[in-house]
Amino acid sequence: MAPAGVDDLGLIAQWAAAEGWLPGDGDERLFFPVDPGGFLVGRLDGLVVSSISAVRQGTGHGFLGFYLTAPDQRGRGYGLRTWQAGMRRLAGRHIGLDGVVAQQDNYRKSGFRHAWNNLRFRGTARVQAAVPGTAPVDVRRLGFEDLAAYDRRFFPARRDTFLALWISAPGHRALAVLRDGKLAGLGVGRPAGPVVRIGPLHADTPEIAARLLGALASGPVVLDVPDRNRDGVELARAAGLEQISETARMYTGEPPDIDVRGIYSVASLELG
């Protein structure tokens, strides 16, 4: 097992797209600086045959993703060895992942507990009527510390590098809603092949989330909504989006103390 290079991440992103995961265009180039040593690959005769991301976040959190094996190399134990390498890299940390629901039992064997399911919705959103006082603003007009503090309410660790890259990357559109001068909503849309992936979508109220969704939706969109946020699920359905899949959010130990009911779409299924 060895650290992945940037070119390796491009291949891994292609594998993820082939699985139907709809990674954002160029996500891997933004993920890499967050923890350059956090992407691992297994090689056979010099060719990459397996991958996993084991990204360290903050002082005690970590997240697993991109757990993949080349289709023609499955069933040979390469995936298991890759998984074990990822777990070793995050040893001693509180670890999260978004996995296929059918694999929950396998993840439980490694010490993971179910927290909630992220429901994936897709479609062309019906734009909600604007609510007075919720006009979105470009986040680049706001102080970064305020954005980072708001994001911290919805994530178990500070992720300043990720957030800074995410809101400023070419092709990404990042908007916020202010109420009485304070952040009350944050949303980012990014191209992902034929759709716009919206995430994170954080909001203090369903009305603010709807306003951000309407401002970010240009053509077909995808949201990944925690099922514990019933307002978020209802918003997606009211917007005319169809649920197409789901993943299980799991953690080692207890779920973190975060505002899940304010998460209307997670940032990504690879880094949380």
C-alpha atoms as a PDB file:
ATOM      1  CA  MET A   1       0.000   0.000   0.000  1.00  0.00           C
ATOM      2  CA  ALA A   2       1.331   3.422  -0.929  1.00  0.00           C
ATOM      3  CA  PRO A   3       0.254   7.072  -0.884  1.00  0.00           C
ATOM      4  CA  ALA A   4      -1.594   8.103  -4.026  1.00  0.00           C
ATOM      5  CA  GLY A   5      -0.301  10.760  -6.366  1.00  0.00           C
ATOM      6  CA  VAL A   6      -2.462  13.426  -7.946  1.00  0.00           C
ATOM      7  CA  ASP A   7      -2.651  11.448 -11.191  1.00  0.00           C
ATOM      8  CA  ASP A   8      -3.806   8.398  -9.225  1.00  0.00           C
ATOM      9  CA  LEU A   9      -6.669  10.447  -7.814  1.00  0.00           C
ATOM     10  CA  GLY A  10      -7.828  11.233 -11.335  1.00  0.00           C
ATOM     11  CA  LEU A  11      -8.102   7.492 -12.017  1.00  0.00           C
ATOM     12  CA  ILE A  12      -9.922   6.909  -8.738  1.00  0.00           C
ATOM     13  CA  ALA A  13     -12.405   9.654  -9.618  1.00  0.00           C
ATOM     14  CA  GLN A  14     -13.048   7.876 -12.914  1.00  0.00           C
ATOM     15  CA  TRP A  15     -13.747   4.658 -11.025  1.00  0.00           C
ATOM     16  CA  ALA A  16     -16.170   6.520  -8.743  1.00  0.00           C
ATOM     17  CA  ALA A  17     -17.971   7.985 -11.753  1.00  0.00           C
ATOM     18  CA  ALA A  18     -18.234   4.521 -13.317  1.00  0.00           C
ATOM     19  CA  GLU A  19     -19.924   3.304 -10.105  1.00  0.00           C
ATOM     20  CA  GLY A  20     -22.553   6.009 -10.561  1.00  0.00           C
ATOM     21  CA  TRP A  21     -21.399   8.046  -7.555  1.00  0.00           C
ATOM     22  CA  LEU A  22     -21.461  11.339  -9.510  1.00  0.00           C
ATOM     23  CA  PRO A  23     -18.284  12.885  -8.048  1.00  0.00           C
ATOM     24  CA  GLY A  24     -17.987  16.605  -8.640  1.00  0.00           C
ATOM     25  CA  ASP A  25     -15.862  17.654 -11.590  1.00  0.00           C
ATOM     26  CA  GLY A  26     -12.352  18.005 -10.177  1.00  0.00           C
ATOM     27  CA  ASP A  27     -13.312  17.093  -6.595  1.00  0.00           C
ATOM     28  CA  GLU A  28     -10.134  15.068  -6.248  1.00  0.00           C
ATOM     29  CA  ARG A  29      -7.931  18.113  -6.891  1.00  0.00           C
ATOM     30  CA  LEU A  30      -9.618  19.898  -3.983  1.00  0.00           C
ATOM     31  CA  PHE A  31      -9.578  16.874  -1.677  1.00  0.00           C
ATOM     32  CA  PHE A  32      -5.837  16.239  -2.087  1.00  0.00           C
ATOM     33  CA  PRO A  33      -4.511  19.371  -0.268  1.00  0.00           C
ATOM     34  CA  VAL A  34      -6.758  18.679   2.736  1.00  0.00           C
ATOM     35  CA  ASP A  35      -4.493  15.759   3.720  1.00  0.00           C
ATOM     36  CA  PRO A  36      -2.007  14.842   0.962  1.00  0.00           C
ATOM     37  CA  GLY A  37      -1.016  11.619   2.705  1.00  0.00           C
ATOM     38  CA  GLY A  38      -4.606  10.554   3.221  1.00  0.00           C
ATOM     39  CA  PHE A  39      -5.145   8.839  -0.132  1.00  0.00           C
ATOM     40  CA  LEU A  40      -3.871   5.291  -0.467  1.00  0.00           C
ATOM     41  CA  VAL A  41      -3.654   2.904  -3.406  1.00  0.00           C
ATOM     42  CA  GLY A  42      -2.758  -0.721  -3.880  1.00  0.00           C
ATOM     43  CA  ARG A  43      -0.649  -1.570  -6.907  1.00  0.00           C
ATOM     44  CA  LEU A  44      -0.191  -4.785  -8.863  1.00  0.00           C
ATOM     45  CA  ASP A  45       2.646  -4.864 -11.383  1.00  0.00           C
ATOM     46  CA  GLY A  46       2.761  -1.085 -11.171  1.00  0.00           C
ATOM     47  CA  LEU A  47      -0.951  -0.575 -11.888  1.00  0.00           C
ATOM     48  CA  VAL A  48      -3.432   0.793  -9.349  1.00  0.00           C
ATOM     49  CA  VAL A  49      -5.965  -1.903  -8.421  1.00  0.00           C
ATOM     50  CA  SER A  50      -7.503  -0.541  -5.203  1.00  0.00           C
ATOM     51  CA  SER A  51      -7.965   2.721  -3.340  1.00  0.00           C
ATOM     52  CA  ILE A  52      -9.199   4.336  -0.150  1.00  0.00           C
ATOM     53  CA  SER A  53      -9.144   7.830   1.313  1.00  0.00           C
ATOM     54  CA  ALA A  54      -8.356   8.045   5.027  1.00  0.00           C
ATOM     55  CA  VAL A  55      -8.333  11.770   5.591  1.00  0.00           C
ATOM     56  CA  ARG A  56      -7.396  13.239   8.960  1.00  0.00           C
ATOM     57  CA  GLN A  57      -9.532  16.200  10.019  1.00  0.00           C
ATOM     58  CA  GLY A  58      -8.794  18.365  13.021  1.00  0.00           C
ATOM     59  CA  THR A  59      -7.041  16.768  15.976  1.00  0.00           C
ATOM     60  CA  GLY A  60      -9.218  13.718  16.466  1.00  0.00           C
ATOM     61  CA  HIS A  61     -11.563  13.103  13.540  1.00  0.00           C
ATOM     62  CA  GLY A  62     -11.130  11.199  10.284  1.00  0.00           C
ATOM     63  CA  PHE A  63     -13.218  10.146   7.316  1.00  0.00           C
ATOM     64  CA  LEU A  64     -13.042   7.169   4.959  1.00  0.00           C
ATOM     65  CA  GLY A  65     -14.062   7.290   1.309  1.00  0.00           C
ATOM     66  CA  PHE A  66     -13.120   6.269  -2.222  1.00  0.00           C
ATOM     67  CA  TYR A  67     -13.056   2.626  -1.072  1.00  0.00           C
ATOM     68  CA  LEU A  68     -12.812   0.947  -4.467  1.00  0.00           C
ATOM     69  CA  THR A  69     -11.252  -2.003  -6.242  1.00  0.00           C
ATOM     70  CA  ALA A  70     -10.848  -2.297  -9.994  1.00  0.00           C
ATOM     71  CA  PRO A  71     -13.719  -4.502 -11.242  1.00  0.00           C
ATOM     72  CA  ASP A  72     -11.391  -7.090 -12.781  1.00  0.00           C
ATOM     73  CA  GLN A  73      -9.445  -7.443  -9.531  1.00  0.00           C
ATOM     74  CA  ARG A  74     -12.285  -7.979  -7.071  1.00  0.00           C
ATOM     75  CA  GLY A  75     -12.541 -11.068  -4.925  1.00  0.00           C
ATOM     76  CA  ARG A  76      -8.766 -11.398  -4.480  1.00  0.00           C
ATOM     77  CA  GLY A  77      -8.353  -9.730  -1.098  1.00  0.00           C
ATOM     78  CA  TYR A  78      -6.912  -6.464  -2.393  1.00  0.00           C
ATOM     79  CA  GLY A  79      -9.861  -4.451  -1.118  1.00  0.00           C
ATOM     80  CA  LEU A  80      -9.586  -5.866   2.403  1.00  0.00           C
ATOM     81  CA  ARG A  81      -5.882  -5.025   2.602  1.00  0.00           C
ATOM     82  CA  THR A  82      -6.623  -1.519   1.398  1.00  0.00           C
ATOM     83  CA  TRP A  83      -9.363  -1.120   4.009  1.00  0.00           C
ATOM     84  CA  GLN A  84      -6.999  -2.262   6.755  1.00  0.00           C
ATOM     85  CA  ALA A  85      -4.392   0.266   5.639  1.00  0.00           C
ATOM     86  CA  GLY A  86      -6.949   3.060   5.776  1.00  0.00           C
ATOM     87  CA  MET A  87      -8.070   2.054   9.253  1.00  0.00           C
ATOM     88  CA  ARG A  88      -4.453   1.950  10.462  1.00  0.00           C
ATOM     89  CA  ARG A  89      -3.882   5.488   9.202  1.00  0.00           C
ATOM     90  CA  LEU A  90      -6.834   6.770  11.230  1.00  0.00           C
ATOM     91  CA  ALA A  91      -6.148   4.662  14.327  1.00  0.00           C
ATOM     92  CA  GLY A  92      -7.072   6.466  17.529  1.00  0.00           C
ATOM     93  CA  ARG A  93      -9.427   8.908  15.795  1.00  0.00           C
ATOM     94  CA  HIS A  94     -13.192   9.119  15.684  1.00  0.00           C
ATOM     95  CA  ILE A  95     -13.902   7.920  12.132  1.00  0.00           C
ATOM     96  CA  GLY A  96     -16.875   8.491   9.852  1.00  0.00           C
ATOM     97  CA  LEU A  97     -17.904   7.090   6.498  1.00  0.00           C
ATOM     98  CA  ASP A  98     -20.775   7.020   4.032  1.00  0.00           C
ATOM     99  CA  GLY A  99     -21.203   3.466   2.834  1.00  0.00           C
ATOM    100  CA  VAL A 100     -23.601   1.416   0.779  1.00  0.00           C
ATOM    101  CA  VAL A 101     -26.419   0.422   3.097  1.00  0.00           C
ATOM    102  CA  ALA A 102     -26.018  -3.267   2.217  1.00  0.00           C
ATOM    103  CA  GLN A 103     -22.444  -3.184   3.604  1.00  0.00           C
ATOM    104  CA  GLN A 104     -23.446  -1.998   7.076  1.00  0.00           C
ATOM    105  CA  ASP A 105     -22.799  -5.371   8.668  1.00  0.00           C
ATOM    106  CA  ASN A 106     -19.269  -5.446   7.284  1.00  0.00           C
ATOM    107  CA  TYR A 107     -18.580  -1.964   8.627  1.00  0.00           C
ATOM    108  CA  ARG A 108     -19.959  -2.940  12.023  1.00  0.00           C
ATOM    109  CA  LYS A 109     -17.310  -5.663  12.206  1.00  0.00           C
ATOM    110  CA  SER A 110     -14.736  -2.862  12.081  1.00  0.00           C
ATOM    111  CA  GLY A 111     -16.396  -1.012  14.954  1.00  0.00           C
ATOM    112  CA  PHE A 112     -18.742   1.335  13.086  1.00  0.00           C
ATOM    113  CA  ARG A 113     -22.225   2.230  14.313  1.00  0.00           C
ATOM    114  CA  HIS A 114     -25.116   3.501  12.220  1.00  0.00           C
ATOM    115  CA  ALA A 115     -25.951   7.187  12.738  1.00  0.00           C
ATOM    116  CA  TRP A 116     -28.357   8.001   9.889  1.00  0.00           C
ATOM    117  CA  ASN A 117     -28.857   7.472   6.166  1.00  0.00           C
ATOM    118  CA  ASN A 118     -28.093  10.119   3.555  1.00  0.00           C
ATOM    119  CA  LEU A 119     -30.869  10.060   0.958  1.00  0.00           C
ATOM    120  CA  ARG A 120     -29.801  11.075  -2.533  1.00  0.00           C
ATOM    121  CA  PHE A 121     -32.334  13.166  -4.456  1.00  0.00           C
ATOM    122  CA  ARG A 122     -32.048  14.165  -8.108  1.00  0.00           C
ATOM    123  CA  GLY A 123     -34.095  16.256 -10.506  1.00  0.00           C
ATOM    124  CA  THR A 124     -34.870  19.755 -11.699  1.00  0.00           C
ATOM    125  CA  ALA A 125     -35.836  21.729  -8.622  1.00  0.00           C
ATOM    126  CA  ARG A 126     -38.966  23.819  -8.569  1.00  0.00           C
ATOM    127  CA  VAL A 127     -37.767  27.157  -7.255  1.00  0.00           C
ATOM    128  CA  GLN A 128     -39.495  28.231  -4.050  1.00  0.00           C
ATOM    129  CA  ALA A 129     -40.962  31.711  -3.669  1.00  0.00           C
ATOM    130  CA  ALA A 130     -38.477  34.106  -2.088  1.00  0.00           C
ATOM    131  CA  VAL A 131     -38.885  34.805   1.626  1.00  0.00           C
ATOM    132  CA  PRO A 132     -38.250  38.427   2.678  1.00  0.00           C
ATOM    133  CA  GLY A 133     -34.886  38.926   4.328  1.00  0.00           C
ATOM    134  CA  THR A 134     -33.285  35.792   2.827  1.00  0.00           C
ATOM    135  CA  ALA A 135     -31.576  37.178  -0.279  1.00  0.00           C
ATOM    136  CA  PRO A 136     -28.352  35.146  -0.732  1.00  0.00           C
ATOM    137  CA  VAL A 137     -24.974  36.871  -0.940  1.00  0.00           C
ATOM    138  CA  ASP A 138     -21.687  35.675  -2.400  1.00  0.00           C
ATOM    139  CA  VAL A 139     -19.629  34.159   0.427  1.00  0.00           C
ATOM    140  CA  ARG A 140     -16.500  35.818  -0.948  1.00  0.00           C
ATOM    141  CA  ARG A 141     -17.862  39.042   0.515  1.00  0.00           C
ATOM    142  CA  LEU A 142     -17.819  37.563   4.025  1.00  0.00           C
ATOM    143  CA  GLY A 143     -15.066  37.012   6.554  1.00  0.00           C
ATOM    144  CA  PHE A 144     -13.712  33.470   6.454  1.00  0.00           C
ATOM    145  CA  GLU A 145     -13.669  33.044  10.237  1.00  0.00           C
ATOM    146  CA  ASP A 146     -17.436  33.552  10.345  1.00  0.00           C
ATOM    147  CA  LEU A 147     -17.909  30.934   7.624  1.00  0.00           C
ATOM    148  CA  ALA A 148     -15.628  28.452   9.374  1.00  0.00           C
ATOM    149  CA  ALA A 149     -17.419  28.957  12.689  1.00  0.00           C
ATOM    150  CA  TYR A 150     -20.812  28.399  11.060  1.00  0.00           C
ATOM    151  CA  ASP A 151     -19.620  25.264   9.247  1.00  0.00           C
ATOM    152  CA  ARG A 152     -18.239  23.900  12.521  1.00  0.00           C
ATOM    153  CA  ARG A 153     -21.805  23.675  13.838  1.00  0.00           C
ATOM    154  CA  PHE A 154     -22.519  20.961  11.265  1.00  0.00           C
ATOM    155  CA  PHE A 155     -19.223  19.028  11.173  1.00  0.00           C
ATOM    156  CA  PRO A 156     -17.218  17.253  13.908  1.00  0.00           C
ATOM    157  CA  ALA A 157     -13.945  19.129  13.275  1.00  0.00           C
ATOM    158  CA  ARG A 158     -12.619  22.350  11.821  1.00  0.00           C
ATOM    159  CA  ARG A 159     -11.967  21.847   8.108  1.00  0.00           C
ATOM    160  CA  ASP A 160     -10.591  25.230   7.090  1.00  0.00           C
ATOM    161  CA  THR A 161      -8.480  24.024   4.159  1.00  0.00           C
ATOM    162  CA  PHE A 162     -11.377  22.079   2.685  1.00  0.00           C
ATOM    163  CA  LEU A 163     -13.837  24.928   3.190  1.00  0.00           C
ATOM    164  CA  ALA A 164     -11.507  27.563   1.718  1.00  0.00           C
ATOM    165  CA  LEU A 165     -10.910  25.462  -1.394  1.00  0.00           C
ATOM    166  CA  TRP A 166     -14.576  24.477  -1.679  1.00  0.00           C
ATOM    167  CA  ILE A 167     -15.977  28.014  -1.710  1.00  0.00           C
ATOM    168  CA  SER A 168     -13.345  29.448  -4.052  1.00  0.00           C
ATOM    169  CA  ALA A 169     -12.779  26.723  -6.674  1.00  0.00           C
ATOM    170  CA  PRO A 170     -13.513  27.556 -10.323  1.00  0.00           C
ATOM    171  CA  GLY A 171     -16.988  26.367 -11.249  1.00  0.00           C
ATOM    172  CA  HIS A 172     -18.173  26.365  -7.636  1.00  0.00           C
ATOM    173  CA  ARG A 173     -20.871  28.822  -6.611  1.00  0.00           C
ATOM    174  CA  ALA A 174     -21.007  29.579  -2.898  1.00  0.00           C
ATOM    175  CA  LEU A 175     -23.834  31.587  -1.341  1.00  0.00           C
ATOM    176  CA  ALA A 176     -24.860  32.551   2.172  1.00  0.00           C
ATOM    177  CA  VAL A 177     -27.902  34.042   3.864  1.00  0.00           C
ATOM    178  CA  LEU A 178     -27.534  36.589   6.663  1.00  0.00           C
ATOM    179  CA  ARG A 179     -30.082  37.454   9.328  1.00  0.00           C
ATOM    180  CA  ASP A 180     -29.403  40.433  11.581  1.00  0.00           C
ATOM    181  CA  GLY A 181     -25.856  40.428  10.260  1.00  0.00           C
ATOM    182  CA  LYS A 182     -25.194  36.808  11.228  1.00  0.00           C
ATOM    183  CA  LEU A 183     -24.883  33.716   9.064  1.00  0.00           C
ATOM    184  CA  ALA A 184     -28.106  31.735   8.865  1.00  0.00           C
ATOM    185  CA  GLY A 185     -27.409  29.592   5.798  1.00  0.00           C
ATOM    186  CA  LEU A 186     -24.575  28.381   3.570  1.00  0.00           C
ATOM    187  CA  GLY A 187     -24.773  26.539   0.268  1.00  0.00           C
ATOM    188  CA  VAL A 188     -22.308  25.499  -2.425  1.00  0.00           C
ATOM    189  CA  GLY A 189     -23.130  24.178  -5.886  1.00  0.00           C
ATOM    190  CA  ARG A 190     -20.581  22.474  -8.143  1.00  0.00           C
ATOM    191  CA  PRO A 191     -20.749  20.780 -11.533  1.00  0.00           C
ATOM    192  CA  ALA A 192     -20.811  16.981 -11.504  1.00  0.00           C
ATOM    193  CA  GLY A 193     -21.144  15.751 -15.059  1.00  0.00           C
ATOM    194  CA  PRO A 194     -24.773  16.276 -16.108  1.00  0.00           C
ATOM    195  CA  VAL A 195     -25.929  17.722 -12.767  1.00  0.00           C
ATOM    196  CA  VAL A 196     -25.101  20.327 -10.145  1.00  0.00           C
ATOM    197  CA  ARG A 197     -24.202  18.778  -6.795  1.00  0.00           C
ATOM    198  CA  ILE A 198     -25.366  21.018  -3.957  1.00  0.00           C
ATOM    199  CA  GLY A 199     -23.474  20.578  -0.710  1.00  0.00           C
ATOM    200  CA  PRO A 200     -22.951  21.612   1.867  1.00  0.00           C
ATOM    201  CA  LEU A 201     -26.410  23.078   2.234  1.00  0.00           C
ATOM    202  CA  HIS A 202     -26.711  24.253   5.827  1.00  0.00           C
ATOM    203  CA  ALA A 203     -29.529  26.425   7.095  1.00  0.00           C
ATOM    204  CA  ASP A 204     -31.185  27.615  10.271  1.00  0.00           C
ATOM    205  CA  THR A 205     -34.689  27.135   8.826  1.00  0.00           C
ATOM    206  CA  PRO A 206     -36.348  25.252   5.945  1.00  0.00           C
ATOM    207  CA  GLU A 207     -37.225  28.594   4.329  1.00  0.00           C
ATOM    208  CA  ILE A 208     -33.576  29.632   4.198  1.00  0.00           C
ATOM    209  CA  ALA A 209     -32.585  26.232   2.810  1.00  0.00           C
ATOM    210  CA  ALA A 210     -35.267  26.575   0.124  1.00  0.00           C
ATOM    211  CA  ARG A 211     -34.012  30.036  -0.800  1.00  0.00           C
ATOM    212  CA  LEU A 212     -30.450  28.769  -1.209  1.00  0.00           C
ATOM    213  CA  LEU A 213     -31.617  25.728  -3.169  1.00  0.00           C
ATOM    214  CA  GLY A 214     -33.529  27.963  -5.548  1.00  0.00           C
ATOM    215  CA  ALA A 215     -30.548  30.264  -6.021  1.00  0.00           C
ATOM    216  CA  LEU A 216     -28.094  27.416  -6.647  1.00  0.00           C
ATOM    217  CA  ALA A 217     -30.296  25.207  -8.824  1.00  0.00           C
ATOM    218  CA  SER A 218     -29.521  25.632 -12.505  1.00  0.00           C
ATOM    219  CA  GLY A 219     -30.769  22.574 -14.352  1.00  0.00           C
ATOM    220  CA  PRO A 220     -30.753  19.117 -12.752  1.00  0.00           C
ATOM    221  CA  VAL A 221     -29.382  18.966  -9.200  1.00  0.00           C
ATOM    222  CA  VAL A 222     -28.383  16.327  -6.660  1.00  0.00           C
ATOM    223  CA  LEU A 223     -28.795  16.595  -2.877  1.00  0.00           C
ATOM    224  CA  ASP A 224     -27.631  14.142  -0.204  1.00  0.00           C
ATOM    225  CA  VAL A 225     -30.019  14.740   2.704  1.00  0.00           C
ATOM    226  CA  PRO A 226     -29.698  13.138   6.167  1.00  0.00           C
ATOM    227  CA  ASP A 227     -32.915  11.249   6.847  1.00  0.00           C
ATOM    228  CA  ARG A 228     -32.846  12.627  10.402  1.00  0.00           C
ATOM    229  CA  ASN A 229     -33.601  16.033   8.892  1.00  0.00           C
ATOM    230  CA  ARG A 230     -37.273  15.537   8.075  1.00  0.00           C
ATOM    231  CA  ASP A 231     -37.597  19.158   6.932  1.00  0.00           C
ATOM    232  CA  GLY A 232     -34.752  18.530   4.484  1.00  0.00           C
ATOM    233  CA  VAL A 233     -36.386  15.407   3.096  1.00  0.00           C
ATOM    234  CA  GLU A 234     -39.684  17.250   2.708  1.00  0.00           C
ATOM    235  CA  LEU A 235     -37.956  20.193   1.025  1.00  0.00           C
ATOM    236  CA  ALA A 236     -36.353  17.881  -1.560  1.00  0.00           C
ATOM    237  CA  ARG A 237     -39.666  16.182  -2.291  1.00  0.00           C
ATOM    238  CA  ALA A 238     -41.601  19.464  -2.422  1.00  0.00           C
ATOM    239  CA  ALA A 239     -39.031  20.738  -4.928  1.00  0.00           C
ATOM    240  CA  GLY A 240     -39.931  17.825  -7.205  1.00  0.00           C
ATOM    241  CA  LEU A 241     -36.743  15.837  -6.665  1.00  0.00           C
ATOM    242  CA  GLU A 242     -36.785  12.046  -6.742  1.00  0.00           C
ATOM    243  CA  GLN A 243     -34.909   9.834  -4.316  1.00  0.00           C
ATOM    244  CA  ILE A 244     -32.549   7.636  -6.308  1.00  0.00           C
ATOM    245  CA  SER A 245     -30.300   6.005  -3.675  1.00  0.00           C
ATOM    246  CA  GLU A 246     -29.059   6.182  -0.113  1.00  0.00           C
ATOM    247  CA  THR A 247     -25.896   5.647   1.889  1.00  0.00           C
ATOM    248  CA  ALA A 248     -25.364   4.828   5.546  1.00  0.00           C
ATOM    249  CA  ARG A 249     -23.516   7.420   7.643  1.00  0.00           C
ATOM    250  CA  MET A 250     -21.621   5.491  10.277  1.00  0.00           C
ATOM    251  CA  TYR A 251     -19.067   6.353  12.946  1.00  0.00           C
ATOM    252  CA  THR A 252     -16.755   4.537  15.302  1.00  0.00           C
ATOM    253  CA  GLY A 253     -18.182   5.325  18.697  1.00  0.00           C
ATOM    254  CA  GLU A 254     -21.132   7.619  19.278  1.00  0.00           C
ATOM    255  CA  PRO A 255     -22.335   9.970  16.516  1.00  0.00           C
ATOM    256  CA  PRO A 256     -20.793  13.436  16.891  1.00  0.00           C
ATOM    257  CA  ASP A 257     -22.681  16.253  18.572  1.00  0.00           C
ATOM    258  CA  ILE A 258     -23.539  18.265  15.457  1.00  0.00           C
ATOM    259  CA  ASP A 259     -26.676  19.961  14.131  1.00  0.00           C
ATOM    260  CA  VAL A 260     -27.848  17.221  11.761  1.00  0.00           C
ATOM    261  CA  ARG A 261     -31.291  18.839  11.453  1.00  0.00           C
ATOM    262  CA  GLY A 262     -29.627  21.890   9.943  1.00  0.00           C
ATOM    263  CA  ILE A 263     -27.894  19.826   7.233  1.00  0.00           C
ATOM    264  CA  TYR A 264     -30.020  19.914   4.081  1.00  0.00           C
ATOM    265  CA  SER A 265     -27.260  18.310   2.006  1.00  0.00           C
ATOM    266  CA  VAL A 266     -23.814  17.055   3.034  1.00  0.00           C
ATOM    267  CA  ALA A 267     -20.734  18.463   1.327  1.00  0.00           C
ATOM    268  CA  SER A 268     -19.524  15.160  -0.087  1.00  0.00           C
ATOM    269  CA  LEU A 269     -19.715  11.423   0.527  1.00  0.00           C
ATOM    270  CA  GLU A 270     -15.917  11.113   0.418  1.00  0.00           C
ATOM    271  CA  LEU A 271     -14.861  13.670   3.053  1.00  0.00           C
ATOM    272  CA  GLY A 272     -18.131  14.135   4.913  1.00  0.00           C
END
